[in-house]
């Protein structure tokens, strides 16, 4: 009977050692998986930031082009109609002066 108990204890000890190895391997695999997931999330975030930066730069460039085009059109309109531009500027100045005087 003691041989059976000794054999069972040895078997249990071997099973526990194998279980410890399996748990250690599982923990290492989970650690590796977590690192991979973190790395992939970082890469996706980096790509998204790069895409956003590119889009923002594109929008900024487009806004500058539109502002330049509007300014050029405005200057062209003034050059084509200098009398009308002067009259509009005079009227705007008088209106601003009248409004600011009425507040005092």
PDB file of N, CA and C in Angstrom:
ATOM      1  N   UNK A   1       0.816  -1.167   0.000  1.00  0.00           N
ATOM      2  CA  UNK A   1       0.000   0.000   0.000  1.00  0.00           C
ATOM      3  C   UNK A   1       0.874   1.250   0.000  1.00  0.00           C
ATOM      4  N   UNK A   2       2.026   1.196   0.682  1.00  0.00           N
ATOM      5  CA  UNK A   2       2.886   2.365   0.715  1.00  0.00           C
ATOM      6  C   UNK A   2       3.483   2.609  -0.658  1.00  0.00           C
ATOM      7  N   UNK A   3       3.704   1.545  -1.449  1.00  0.00           N
ATOM      8  CA  UNK A   3       4.196   1.719  -2.826  1.00  0.00           C
ATOM      9  C   UNK A   3       3.151   2.453  -3.667  1.00  0.00           C
ATOM     10  N   UNK A   4       1.911   2.140  -3.466  1.00  0.00           N
ATOM     11  CA  UNK A   4       0.830   2.781  -4.201  1.00  0.00           C
ATOM     12  C   UNK A   4       0.725   4.246  -3.809  1.00  0.00           C
ATOM     13  N   UNK A   5       0.857   4.521  -2.528  1.00  0.00           N
ATOM     14  CA  UNK A   5       0.789   5.905  -2.056  1.00  0.00           C
ATOM     15  C   UNK A   5       1.999   6.680  -2.552  1.00  0.00           C
ATOM     16  N   UNK A   6       3.174   6.055  -2.482  1.00  0.00           N
ATOM     17  CA  UNK A   6       4.393   6.711  -2.970  1.00  0.00           C
ATOM     18  C   UNK A   6       4.284   6.971  -4.473  1.00  0.00           C
ATOM     19  N   UNK A   7       3.774   5.983  -5.189  1.00  0.00           N
ATOM     20  CA  UNK A   7       3.604   6.144  -6.644  1.00  0.00           C
ATOM     21  C   UNK A   7       2.602   7.234  -6.975  1.00  0.00           C
ATOM     22  N   UNK A   8       1.519   7.286  -6.212  1.00  0.00           N
ATOM     23  CA  UNK A   8       0.505   8.318  -6.432  1.00  0.00           C
ATOM     24  C   UNK A   8       1.066   9.688  -6.100  1.00  0.00           C
ATOM     25  N   UNK A   9       1.845   9.783  -5.030  1.00  0.00           N
ATOM     26  CA  UNK A   9       2.450  11.070  -4.652  1.00  0.00           C
ATOM     27  C   UNK A   9       3.428  11.524  -5.733  1.00  0.00           C
ATOM     28  N   UNK A  10       4.194  10.578  -6.273  1.00  0.00           N
ATOM     29  CA  UNK A  10       5.143  10.909  -7.346  1.00  0.00           C
ATOM     30  C   UNK A  10       4.384  11.370  -8.584  1.00  0.00           C
ATOM     31  N   UNK A  11       3.313  10.685  -8.921  1.00  0.00           N
ATOM     32  CA  UNK A  11       2.499  11.071 -10.076  1.00  0.00           C
ATOM     33  C   UNK A  11       1.902  12.471  -9.881  1.00  0.00           C
ATOM     34  N   UNK A  12       1.426  12.737  -8.668  1.00  0.00           N
ATOM     35  CA  UNK A  12       0.842  14.052  -8.374  1.00  0.00           C
ATOM     36  C   UNK A  12       1.917  15.129  -8.486  1.00  0.00           C
ATOM     37  N   UNK A  13       3.105  14.830  -7.975  1.00  0.00           N
ATOM     38  CA  UNK A  13       4.206  15.794  -8.044  1.00  0.00           C
ATOM     39  C   UNK A  13       4.565  16.077  -9.500  1.00  0.00           C
ATOM     40  N   UNK A  14       4.621  15.028 -10.330  1.00  0.00           N
ATOM     41  CA  UNK A  14       4.924  15.212 -11.760  1.00  0.00           C
ATOM     42  C   UNK A  14       3.827  16.021 -12.447  1.00  0.00           C
ATOM     43  N   UNK A  15       2.562  15.716 -12.108  1.00  0.00           N
ATOM     44  CA  UNK A  15       1.442  16.443 -12.701  1.00  0.00           C
ATOM     45  C   UNK A  15       1.466  17.915 -12.300  1.00  0.00           C
ATOM     46  N   UNK A  16       1.784  18.177 -11.021  1.00  0.00           N
ATOM     47  CA  UNK A  16       1.866  19.562 -10.564  1.00  0.00           C
ATOM     48  C   UNK A  16       2.999  20.313 -11.264  1.00  0.00           C
ATOM     49  N   UNK A  17       4.138  19.648 -11.456  1.00  0.00           N
ATOM     50  CA  UNK A  17       5.270  20.276 -12.158  1.00  0.00           C
ATOM     51  C   UNK A  17       4.872  20.578 -13.604  1.00  0.00           C
ATOM     52  N   UNK A  18       4.183  19.650 -14.250  1.00  0.00           N
ATOM     53  CA  UNK A  18       3.734  19.868 -15.629  1.00  0.00           C
ATOM     54  C   UNK A  18       2.715  21.000 -15.680  1.00  0.00           C
ATOM     55  N   UNK A  19       1.833  21.034 -14.687  1.00  0.00           N
ATOM     56  CA  UNK A  19       0.843  22.105 -14.617  1.00  0.00           C
ATOM     57  C   UNK A  19       1.519  23.465 -14.432  1.00  0.00           C
ATOM     58  N   UNK A  20       2.549  23.533 -13.589  1.00  0.00           N
ATOM     59  CA  UNK A  20       3.292  24.784 -13.391  1.00  0.00           C
ATOM     60  C   UNK A  20       3.926  25.241 -14.699  1.00  0.00           C
ATOM     61  N   UNK A  21       4.540  24.293 -15.434  1.00  0.00           N
ATOM     62  CA  UNK A  21       5.149  24.633 -16.732  1.00  0.00           C
ATOM     63  C   UNK A  21       4.088  25.140 -17.713  1.00  0.00           C
ATOM     64  N   UNK A  22       2.943  24.455 -17.736  1.00  0.00           N
ATOM     65  CA  UNK A  22       1.868  24.873 -18.634  1.00  0.00           C
ATOM     66  C   UNK A  22       1.358  26.271 -18.282  1.00  0.00           C
ATOM     67  N   UNK A  23       1.189  26.548 -17.001  1.00  0.00           N
ATOM     68  CA  UNK A  23       0.726  27.868 -16.567  1.00  0.00           C
ATOM     69  C   UNK A  23       1.773  28.930 -16.907  1.00  0.00           C
ATOM     70  N   UNK A  24       3.059  28.611 -16.699  1.00  0.00           N
ATOM     71  CA  UNK A  24       4.127  29.557 -17.036  1.00  0.00           C
ATOM     72  C   UNK A  24       4.145  29.821 -18.544  1.00  0.00           C
ATOM     73  N   UNK A  25       3.975  28.769 -19.343  1.00  0.00           N
ATOM     74  CA  UNK A  25       3.935  28.931 -20.807  1.00  0.00           C
ATOM     75  C   UNK A  25       2.725  29.757 -21.231  1.00  0.00           C
ATOM     76  N   UNK A  26       1.598  29.511 -20.593  1.00  0.00           N
ATOM     77  CA  UNK A  26       0.387  30.265 -20.896  1.00  0.00           C
ATOM     78  C   UNK A  26       0.564  31.742 -20.532  1.00  0.00           C
ATOM     79  N   UNK A  27       1.157  31.990 -19.374  1.00  0.00           N
ATOM     80  CA  UNK A  27       1.395  33.379 -18.953  1.00  0.00           C
ATOM     81  C   UNK A  27       2.337  34.072 -19.943  1.00  0.00           C
ATOM     82  N   UNK A  28       3.364  33.384 -20.392  1.00  0.00           N
ATOM     83  CA  UNK A  28       4.300  33.963 -21.362  1.00  0.00           C
ATOM     84  C   UNK A  28       3.593  34.234 -22.694  1.00  0.00           C
ATOM     85  N   UNK A  29       2.752  33.310 -23.117  1.00  0.00           N
ATOM     86  CA  UNK A  29       2.004  33.511 -24.359  1.00  0.00           C
ATOM     87  C   UNK A  29       1.066  34.705 -24.244  1.00  0.00           C
ATOM     88  N   UNK A  30       0.402  34.844 -23.100  1.00  0.00           N
ATOM     89  CA  UNK A  30      -0.505  35.974 -22.883  1.00  0.00           C
ATOM     90  C   UNK A  30       0.277  37.290 -22.860  1.00  0.00           C
ATOM     91  N   UNK A  31       1.458  37.277 -22.243  1.00  0.00           N
ATOM     92  CA  UNK A  31       2.298  38.471 -22.202  1.00  0.00           C
ATOM     93  C   UNK A  31       2.692  38.884 -23.619  1.00  0.00           C
ATOM     94  N   UNK A  32       3.093  37.894 -24.419  1.00  0.00           N
ATOM     95  CA  UNK A  32       3.457  38.171 -25.814  1.00  0.00           C
ATOM     96  C   UNK A  32       2.279  38.699 -26.610  1.00  0.00           C
ATOM     97  N   UNK A  33       1.105  38.123 -26.392  1.00  0.00           N
ATOM     98  CA  UNK A  33      -0.098  38.583 -27.086  1.00  0.00           C
ATOM     99  C   UNK A  33      -0.433  40.016 -26.696  1.00  0.00           C
ATOM    100  N   UNK A  34      -0.334  40.326 -25.408  1.00  0.00           N
ATOM    101  CA  UNK A  34      -0.614  41.690 -24.951  1.00  0.00           C
ATOM    102  C   UNK A  34       0.382  42.677 -25.566  1.00  0.00           C
ATOM    103  N   UNK A  35       1.646  42.295 -25.643  1.00  0.00           N
ATOM    104  CA  UNK A  35       2.652  43.172 -26.254  1.00  0.00           C
ATOM    105  C   UNK A  35       2.355  43.395 -27.735  1.00  0.00           C
ATOM    106  N   UNK A  36       1.972  42.333 -28.432  1.00  0.00           N
ATOM    107  CA  UNK A  36       1.639  42.457 -29.851  1.00  0.00           C
ATOM    108  C   UNK A  36       0.431  43.375 -30.050  1.00  0.00           C
ATOM    109  N   UNK A  37      -0.575  43.191 -29.213  1.00  0.00           N
ATOM    110  CA  UNK A  37      -1.775  44.019 -29.326  1.00  0.00           C
ATOM    111  C   UNK A  37      -1.450  45.484 -29.046  1.00  0.00           C
ATOM    112  N   UNK A  38      -0.624  45.723 -28.033  1.00  0.00           N
ATOM    113  CA  UNK A  38      -0.223  47.091 -27.709  1.00  0.00           C
ATOM    114  C   UNK A  38       0.567  47.712 -28.849  1.00  0.00           C
ATOM    115  N   UNK A  39       1.485  46.955 -29.405  1.00  0.00           N
ATOM    116  CA  UNK A  39       2.290  47.436 -30.528  1.00  0.00           C
ATOM    117  C   UNK A  39       1.398  47.749 -31.741  1.00  0.00           C
ATOM    118  N   UNK A  40       0.465  46.871 -32.034  1.00  0.00           N
ATOM    119  CA  UNK A  40      -0.440  47.094 -33.167  1.00  0.00           C
ATOM    120  C   UNK A  40      -1.328  48.315 -32.938  1.00  0.00           C
ATOM    121  N   UNK A  41      -1.813  48.478 -31.712  1.00  0.00           N
ATOM    122  CA  UNK A  41      -2.637  49.647 -31.405  1.00  0.00           C
ATOM    123  C   UNK A  41      -1.820  50.926 -31.565  1.00  0.00           C
ATOM    124  N   UNK A  42      -0.567  50.888 -31.130  1.00  0.00           N
ATOM    125  CA  UNK A  42       0.311  52.048 -31.292  1.00  0.00           C
ATOM    126  C   UNK A  42       0.546  52.377 -32.751  1.00  0.00           C
ATOM    127  N   UNK A  43       0.738  51.359 -33.571  1.00  0.00           N
ATOM    128  CA  UNK A  43       0.941  51.584 -35.007  1.00  0.00           C
ATOM    129  C   UNK A  43      -0.314  52.164 -35.649  1.00  0.00           C
ATOM    130  N   UNK A  44      -1.478  51.647 -35.272  1.00  0.00           N
ATOM    131  CA  UNK A  44      -2.729  52.177 -35.825  1.00  0.00           C
ATOM    132  C   UNK A  44      -2.928  53.627 -35.416  1.00  0.00           C
ATOM    133  N   UNK A  45      -2.621  53.937 -34.159  1.00  0.00           N
ATOM    134  CA  UNK A  45      -2.755  55.309 -33.676  1.00  0.00           C
ATOM    135  C   UNK A  45      -1.777  56.225 -34.408  1.00  0.00           C
ATOM    136  N   UNK A  46      -0.570  55.755 -34.598  1.00  0.00           N
ATOM    137  CA  UNK A  46       0.430  56.545 -35.311  1.00  0.00           C
ATOM    138  C   UNK A  46      -0.011  56.805 -36.748  1.00  0.00           C
ATOM    139  N   UNK A  47      -0.568  55.798 -37.393  1.00  0.00           N
ATOM    140  CA  UNK A  47      -1.072  55.974 -38.756  1.00  0.00           C
ATOM    141  C   UNK A  47      -2.222  56.974 -38.794  1.00  0.00           C
ATOM    142  N   UNK A  48      -3.115  56.878 -37.811  1.00  0.00           N
ATOM    143  CA  UNK A  48      -4.262  57.799 -37.767  1.00  0.00           C
ATOM    144  C   UNK A  48      -3.791  59.235 -37.555  1.00  0.00           C
ATOM    145  N   UNK A  49      -2.804  59.419 -36.686  1.00  0.00           N
ATOM    146  CA  UNK A  49      -2.275  60.768 -36.450  1.00  0.00           C
ATOM    147  C   UNK A  49      -1.612  61.295 -37.713  1.00  0.00           C
ATOM    148  N   UNK A  50      -0.868  60.443 -38.399  1.00  0.00           N
ATOM    149  CA  UNK A  50      -0.237  60.856 -39.654  1.00  0.00           C
ATOM    150  C   UNK A  50      -1.266  61.238 -40.704  1.00  0.00           C
ATOM    151  N   UNK A  51      -2.340  60.453 -40.808  1.00  0.00           N
ATOM    152  CA  UNK A  51      -3.404  60.771 -41.766  1.00  0.00           C
ATOM    153  C   UNK A  51      -4.076  62.100 -41.408  1.00  0.00           C
ATOM    154  N   UNK A  52      -4.342  62.300 -40.126  1.00  0.00           N
ATOM    155  CA  UNK A  52      -4.984  63.552 -39.693  1.00  0.00           C
ATOM    156  C   UNK A  52      -4.071  64.734 -39.979  1.00  0.00           C
ATOM    157  N   UNK A  53      -2.780  64.569 -39.732  1.00  0.00           N
ATOM    158  CA  UNK A  53      -1.829  65.652 -39.980  1.00  0.00           C
ATOM    159  C   UNK A  53      -1.810  65.996 -41.481  1.00  0.00           C
ATOM    160  N   UNK A  54      -1.839  64.983 -42.312  1.00  0.00           N
ATOM    161  CA  UNK A  54      -1.845  65.211 -43.761  1.00  0.00           C
ATOM    162  C   UNK A  54      -3.113  65.931 -44.193  1.00  0.00           C
ATOM    163  N   UNK A  55      -4.260  65.507 -43.660  1.00  0.00           N
ATOM    164  CA  UNK A  55      -5.523  66.147 -44.009  1.00  0.00           C
ATOM    165  C   UNK A  55      -5.551  67.602 -43.544  1.00  0.00           C
ATOM    166  N   UNK A  56      -5.062  67.850 -42.333  1.00  0.00           N
ATOM    167  CA  UNK A  56      -5.052  69.220 -41.816  1.00  0.00           C
ATOM    168  C   UNK A  56      -4.151  70.101 -42.666  1.00  0.00           C
ATOM    169  N   UNK A  57      -3.003  69.571 -43.055  1.00  0.00           N
ATOM    170  CA  UNK A  57      -2.094  70.344 -43.908  1.00  0.00           C
ATOM    171  C   UNK A  57      -2.765  70.636 -45.250  1.00  0.00           C
ATOM    172  N   UNK A  58      -3.488  69.667 -45.786  1.00  0.00           N
ATOM    173  CA  UNK A  58      -4.198  69.868 -47.049  1.00  0.00           C
ATOM    174  C   UNK A  58      -5.280  70.930 -46.930  1.00  0.00           C
ATOM    175  N   UNK A  59      -6.014  70.907 -45.834  1.00  0.00           N
ATOM    176  CA  UNK A  59      -7.062  71.902 -45.613  1.00  0.00           C
ATOM    177  C   UNK A  59      -6.441  73.289 -45.465  1.00  0.00           C
ATOM    178  N   UNK A  60      -5.325  73.362 -44.746  1.00  0.00           N
ATOM    179  CA  UNK A  60      -4.638  74.639 -44.585  1.00  0.00           C
ATOM    180  C   UNK A  60      -4.143  75.188 -45.911  1.00  0.00           C
ATOM    181  N   UNK A  61      -3.579  74.326 -46.737  1.00  0.00           N
ATOM    182  CA  UNK A  61      -3.111  74.750 -48.060  1.00  0.00           C
ATOM    183  C   UNK A  61      -4.275  75.235 -48.921  1.00  0.00           C
ATOM    184  N   UNK A  62      -5.385  74.498 -48.855  1.00  0.00           N
ATOM    185  CA  UNK A  62      -6.565  74.880 -49.637  1.00  0.00           C
ATOM    186  C   UNK A  62      -7.108  76.226 -49.168  1.00  0.00           C
ATOM    187  N   UNK A  63      -7.119  76.454 -47.849  1.00  0.00           N
ATOM    188  CA  UNK A  63      -7.604  77.729 -47.314  1.00  0.00           C
ATOM    189  C   UNK A  63      -6.694  78.878 -47.772  1.00  0.00           C
ATOM    190  N   UNK A  64      -5.394  78.646 -47.782  1.00  0.00           N
ATOM    191  CA  UNK A  64      -4.470  79.680 -48.249  1.00  0.00           C
ATOM    192  C   UNK A  64      -4.694  79.982 -49.728  1.00  0.00           C
ATOM    193  N   UNK A  65      -4.906  78.946 -50.522  1.00  0.00           N
ATOM    194  CA  UNK A  65      -5.157  79.160 -51.956  1.00  0.00           C
ATOM    195  C   UNK A  65      -6.434  79.976 -52.162  1.00  0.00           C
ATOM    196  N   UNK A  66      -7.478  79.635 -51.406  1.00  0.00           N
ATOM    197  CA  UNK A  66      -8.742  80.368 -51.542  1.00  0.00           C
ATOM    198  C   UNK A  66      -8.593  81.821 -51.092  1.00  0.00           C
ATOM    199  N   UNK A  67      -7.851  82.038 -50.004  1.00  0.00           N
ATOM    200  CA  UNK A  67      -7.642  83.399 -49.516  1.00  0.00           C
ATOM    201  C   UNK A  67      -6.870  84.219 -50.547  1.00  0.00           C
ATOM    202  N   UNK A  68      -5.854  83.619 -51.144  1.00  0.00           N
ATOM    203  CA  UNK A  68      -5.083  84.325 -52.173  1.00  0.00           C
ATOM    204  C   UNK A  68      -5.950  84.634 -53.382  1.00  0.00           C
ATOM    205  N   UNK A  69      -6.780  83.667 -53.783  1.00  0.00           N
ATOM    206  CA  UNK A  69      -7.652  83.878 -54.938  1.00  0.00           C
ATOM    207  C   UNK A  69      -8.662  84.989 -54.647  1.00  0.00           C
ATOM    208  N   UNK A  70      -9.226  84.990 -53.438  1.00  0.00           N
ATOM    209  CA  UNK A  70     -10.182  86.038 -53.061  1.00  0.00           C
ATOM    210  C   UNK A  70      -9.507  87.396 -53.027  1.00  0.00           C
ATOM    211  N   UNK A  71      -8.307  87.452 -52.480  1.00  0.00           N
ATOM    212  CA  UNK A  71      -7.557  88.699 -52.416  1.00  0.00           C
ATOM    213  C   UNK A  71      -7.234  89.210 -53.819  1.00  0.00           C
ATOM    214  N   UNK A  72      -6.835  88.309 -54.698  1.00  0.00           N
ATOM    215  CA  UNK A  72      -6.531  88.693 -56.076  1.00  0.00           C
ATOM    216  C   UNK A  72      -7.781  89.210 -56.775  1.00  0.00           C
ATOM    217  N   UNK A  73      -8.914  88.519 -56.560  1.00  0.00           N
ATOM    218  CA  UNK A  73     -10.164  88.962 -57.172  1.00  0.00           C
ATOM    219  C   UNK A  73     -10.583  90.324 -56.622  1.00  0.00           C
ATOM    220  N   UNK A  74     -10.403  90.537 -55.314  1.00  0.00           N
ATOM    221  CA  UNK A  74     -10.753  91.801 -54.678  1.00  0.00           C
ATOM    222  C   UNK A  74      -9.889  92.932 -55.233  1.00  0.00           C
ATOM    223  N   UNK A  75      -8.585  92.674 -55.332  1.00  0.00           N
ATOM    224  CA  UNK A  75      -7.683  93.680 -55.884  1.00  0.00           C
ATOM    225  C   UNK A  75      -8.031  93.990 -57.338  1.00  0.00           C
ATOM    226  N   UNK A  76      -8.353  92.959 -58.091  1.00  0.00           N
ATOM    227  CA  UNK A  76      -8.745  93.154 -59.488  1.00  0.00           C
ATOM    228  C   UNK A  76     -10.011  93.986 -59.602  1.00  0.00           C
ATOM    229  N   UNK A  77     -10.961  93.745 -58.702  1.00  0.00           N
ATOM    230  CA  UNK A  77     -12.197  94.514 -58.702  1.00  0.00           C
ATOM    231  C   UNK A  77     -11.931  95.980 -58.378  1.00  0.00           C
ATOM    232  N   UNK A  78     -11.029  96.231 -57.429  1.00  0.00           N
ATOM    233  CA  UNK A  78     -10.687  97.609 -57.076  1.00  0.00           C
ATOM    234  C   UNK A  78      -9.991  98.303 -58.247  1.00  0.00           C
ATOM    235  N   UNK A  79      -9.072  97.591 -58.893  1.00  0.00           N
ATOM    236  CA  UNK A  79      -8.347  98.179 -60.034  1.00  0.00           C
ATOM    237  C   UNK A  79      -9.292  98.448 -61.208  1.00  0.00           C
ATOM    238  N   UNK A  80     -10.281  97.580 -61.388  1.00  0.00           N
ATOM    239  CA  UNK A  80     -11.223  97.762 -62.499  1.00  0.00           C
ATOM    240  C   UNK A  80     -12.210  98.889 -62.215  1.00  0.00           C
ATOM    241  N   UNK A  81     -12.560  99.098 -60.962  1.00  0.00           N
ATOM    242  CA  UNK A  81     -13.549 100.118 -60.587  1.00  0.00           C
ATOM    243  C   UNK A  81     -13.021 100.980 -59.438  1.00  0.00           C
ATOM    244  N   UNK A  82     -12.025 101.820 -59.672  1.00  0.00           N
ATOM    245  CA  UNK A  82     -11.442 102.579 -58.563  1.00  0.00           C
ATOM    246  C   UNK A  82     -12.418 103.597 -57.967  1.00  0.00           C
ATOM    247  N   UNK A  83     -13.267 104.196 -58.778  1.00  0.00           N
ATOM    248  CA  UNK A  83     -14.212 105.171 -58.258  1.00  0.00           C
ATOM    249  C   UNK A  83     -15.246 104.520 -57.337  1.00  0.00           C
ATOM    250  N   UNK A  84     -15.770 103.396 -57.747  1.00  0.00           N
ATOM    251  CA  UNK A  84     -16.750 102.675 -56.937  1.00  0.00           C
ATOM    252  C   UNK A  84     -16.110 102.207 -55.636  1.00  0.00           C
ATOM    253  N   UNK A  85     -14.862 101.717 -55.704  1.00  0.00           N
ATOM    254  CA  UNK A  85     -14.166 101.262 -54.505  1.00  0.00           C
ATOM    255  C   UNK A  85     -13.954 102.420 -53.530  1.00  0.00           C
ATOM    256  N   UNK A  86     -13.609 103.587 -54.058  1.00  0.00           N
ATOM    257  CA  UNK A  86     -13.410 104.764 -53.211  1.00  0.00           C
ATOM    258  C   UNK A  86     -14.721 105.180 -52.566  1.00  0.00           C
ATOM    259  N   UNK A  87     -15.806 105.146 -53.332  1.00  0.00           N
ATOM    260  CA  UNK A  87     -17.123 105.529 -52.799  1.00  0.00           C
ATOM    261  C   UNK A  87     -17.568 104.560 -51.702  1.00  0.00           C
ATOM    262  N   UNK A  88     -17.330 103.279 -51.910  1.00  0.00           N
ATOM    263  CA  UNK A  88     -17.709 102.271 -50.910  1.00  0.00           C
ATOM    264  C   UNK A  88     -16.880 102.468 -49.637  1.00  0.00           C
ATOM    265  N   UNK A  89     -15.578 102.719 -49.798  1.00  0.00           N
ATOM    266  CA  UNK A  89     -14.714 102.937 -48.630  1.00  0.00           C
ATOM    267  C   UNK A  89     -15.142 104.189 -47.867  1.00  0.00           C
ATOM    268  N   UNK A  90     -15.497 105.255 -48.594  1.00  0.00           N
ATOM    269  CA  UNK A  90     -15.949 106.491 -47.964  1.00  0.00           C
ATOM    270  C   UNK A  90     -17.242 106.259 -47.193  1.00  0.00           C
ATOM    271  N   UNK A  91     -18.178 105.557 -47.822  1.00  0.00           N
ATOM    272  CA  UNK A  91     -19.462 105.276 -47.167  1.00  0.00           C
ATOM    273  C   UNK A  91     -19.257 104.414 -45.918  1.00  0.00           C
ATOM    274  N   UNK A  92     -18.393 103.429 -46.010  1.00  0.00           N
ATOM    275  CA  UNK A  92     -18.130 102.570 -44.854  1.00  0.00           C
ATOM    276  C   UNK A  92     -17.495 103.379 -43.727  1.00  0.00           C
ATOM    277  N   UNK A  93     -16.562 104.265 -44.063  1.00  0.00           N
ATOM    278  CA  UNK A  93     -15.927 105.104 -43.047  1.00  0.00           C
ATOM    279  C   UNK A  93     -16.915 106.024 -42.375  1.00  0.00           C
ATOM    280  N   UNK A  94     -17.801 106.638 -43.171  1.00  0.00           N
ATOM    281  CA  UNK A  94     -18.815 107.524 -42.598  1.00  0.00           C
ATOM    282  C   UNK A  94     -19.775 106.758 -41.695  1.00  0.00           C
ATOM    283  N   UNK A  95     -20.168 105.566 -42.124  1.00  0.00           N
ATOM    284  CA  UNK A  95     -21.081 104.744 -41.324  1.00  0.00           C
ATOM    285  C   UNK A  95     -20.439 104.343 -39.996  1.00  0.00           C
ATOM    286  N   UNK A  96     -19.207 103.912 -40.030  1.00  0.00           N
ATOM    287  CA  UNK A  96     -18.491 103.525 -38.798  1.00  0.00           C
ATOM    288  C   UNK A  96     -18.331 104.750 -37.890  1.00  0.00           C
ATOM    289  N   UNK A  97     -18.010 105.897 -38.472  1.00  0.00           N
ATOM    290  CA  UNK A  97     -17.879 107.120 -37.676  1.00  0.00           C
ATOM    291  C   UNK A  97     -19.196 107.531 -37.054  1.00  0.00           C
ATOM    292  N   UNK A  98     -20.303 107.440 -37.797  1.00  0.00           N
ATOM    293  CA  UNK A  98     -21.614 107.791 -37.302  1.00  0.00           C
ATOM    294  C   UNK A  98     -22.044 106.864 -36.157  1.00  0.00           C
ATOM    295  N   UNK A  99     -21.771 105.538 -36.326  1.00  0.00           N
ATOM    296  CA  UNK A  99     -22.146 104.574 -35.297  1.00  0.00           C
ATOM    297  C   UNK A  99     -21.334 104.802 -34.026  1.00  0.00           C
ATOM    298  N   UNK A 100     -20.049 105.030 -34.179  1.00  0.00           N
ATOM    299  CA  UNK A 100     -19.206 105.218 -32.991  1.00  0.00           C
ATOM    300  C   UNK A 100     -19.501 106.558 -32.306  1.00  0.00           C
ATOM    301  N   UNK A 101     -19.921 107.582 -33.057  1.00  0.00           N
ATOM    302  CA  UNK A 101     -20.247 108.872 -32.473  1.00  0.00           C
ATOM    303  C   UNK A 101     -21.549 108.784 -31.683  1.00  0.00           C
ATOM    304  N   UNK A 102     -22.493 107.988 -32.163  1.00  0.00           N
ATOM    305  CA  UNK A 102     -23.784 107.892 -31.487  1.00  0.00           C
ATOM    306  C   UNK A 102     -23.657 107.128 -30.167  1.00  0.00           C
ATOM    307  N   UNK A 103     -22.628 106.372 -29.961  1.00  0.00           N
ATOM    308  CA  UNK A 103     -22.420 105.637 -28.703  1.00  0.00           C
ATOM    309  C   UNK A 103     -21.844 106.531 -27.622  1.00  0.00           C
ATOM    310  N   UNK A 104     -21.183 107.582 -28.005  1.00  0.00           N
ATOM    311  CA  UNK A 104     -20.538 108.472 -27.000  1.00  0.00           C
ATOM    312  C   UNK A 104     -21.522 109.304 -26.303  1.00  0.00           C
TER     313      UNK A 104
END
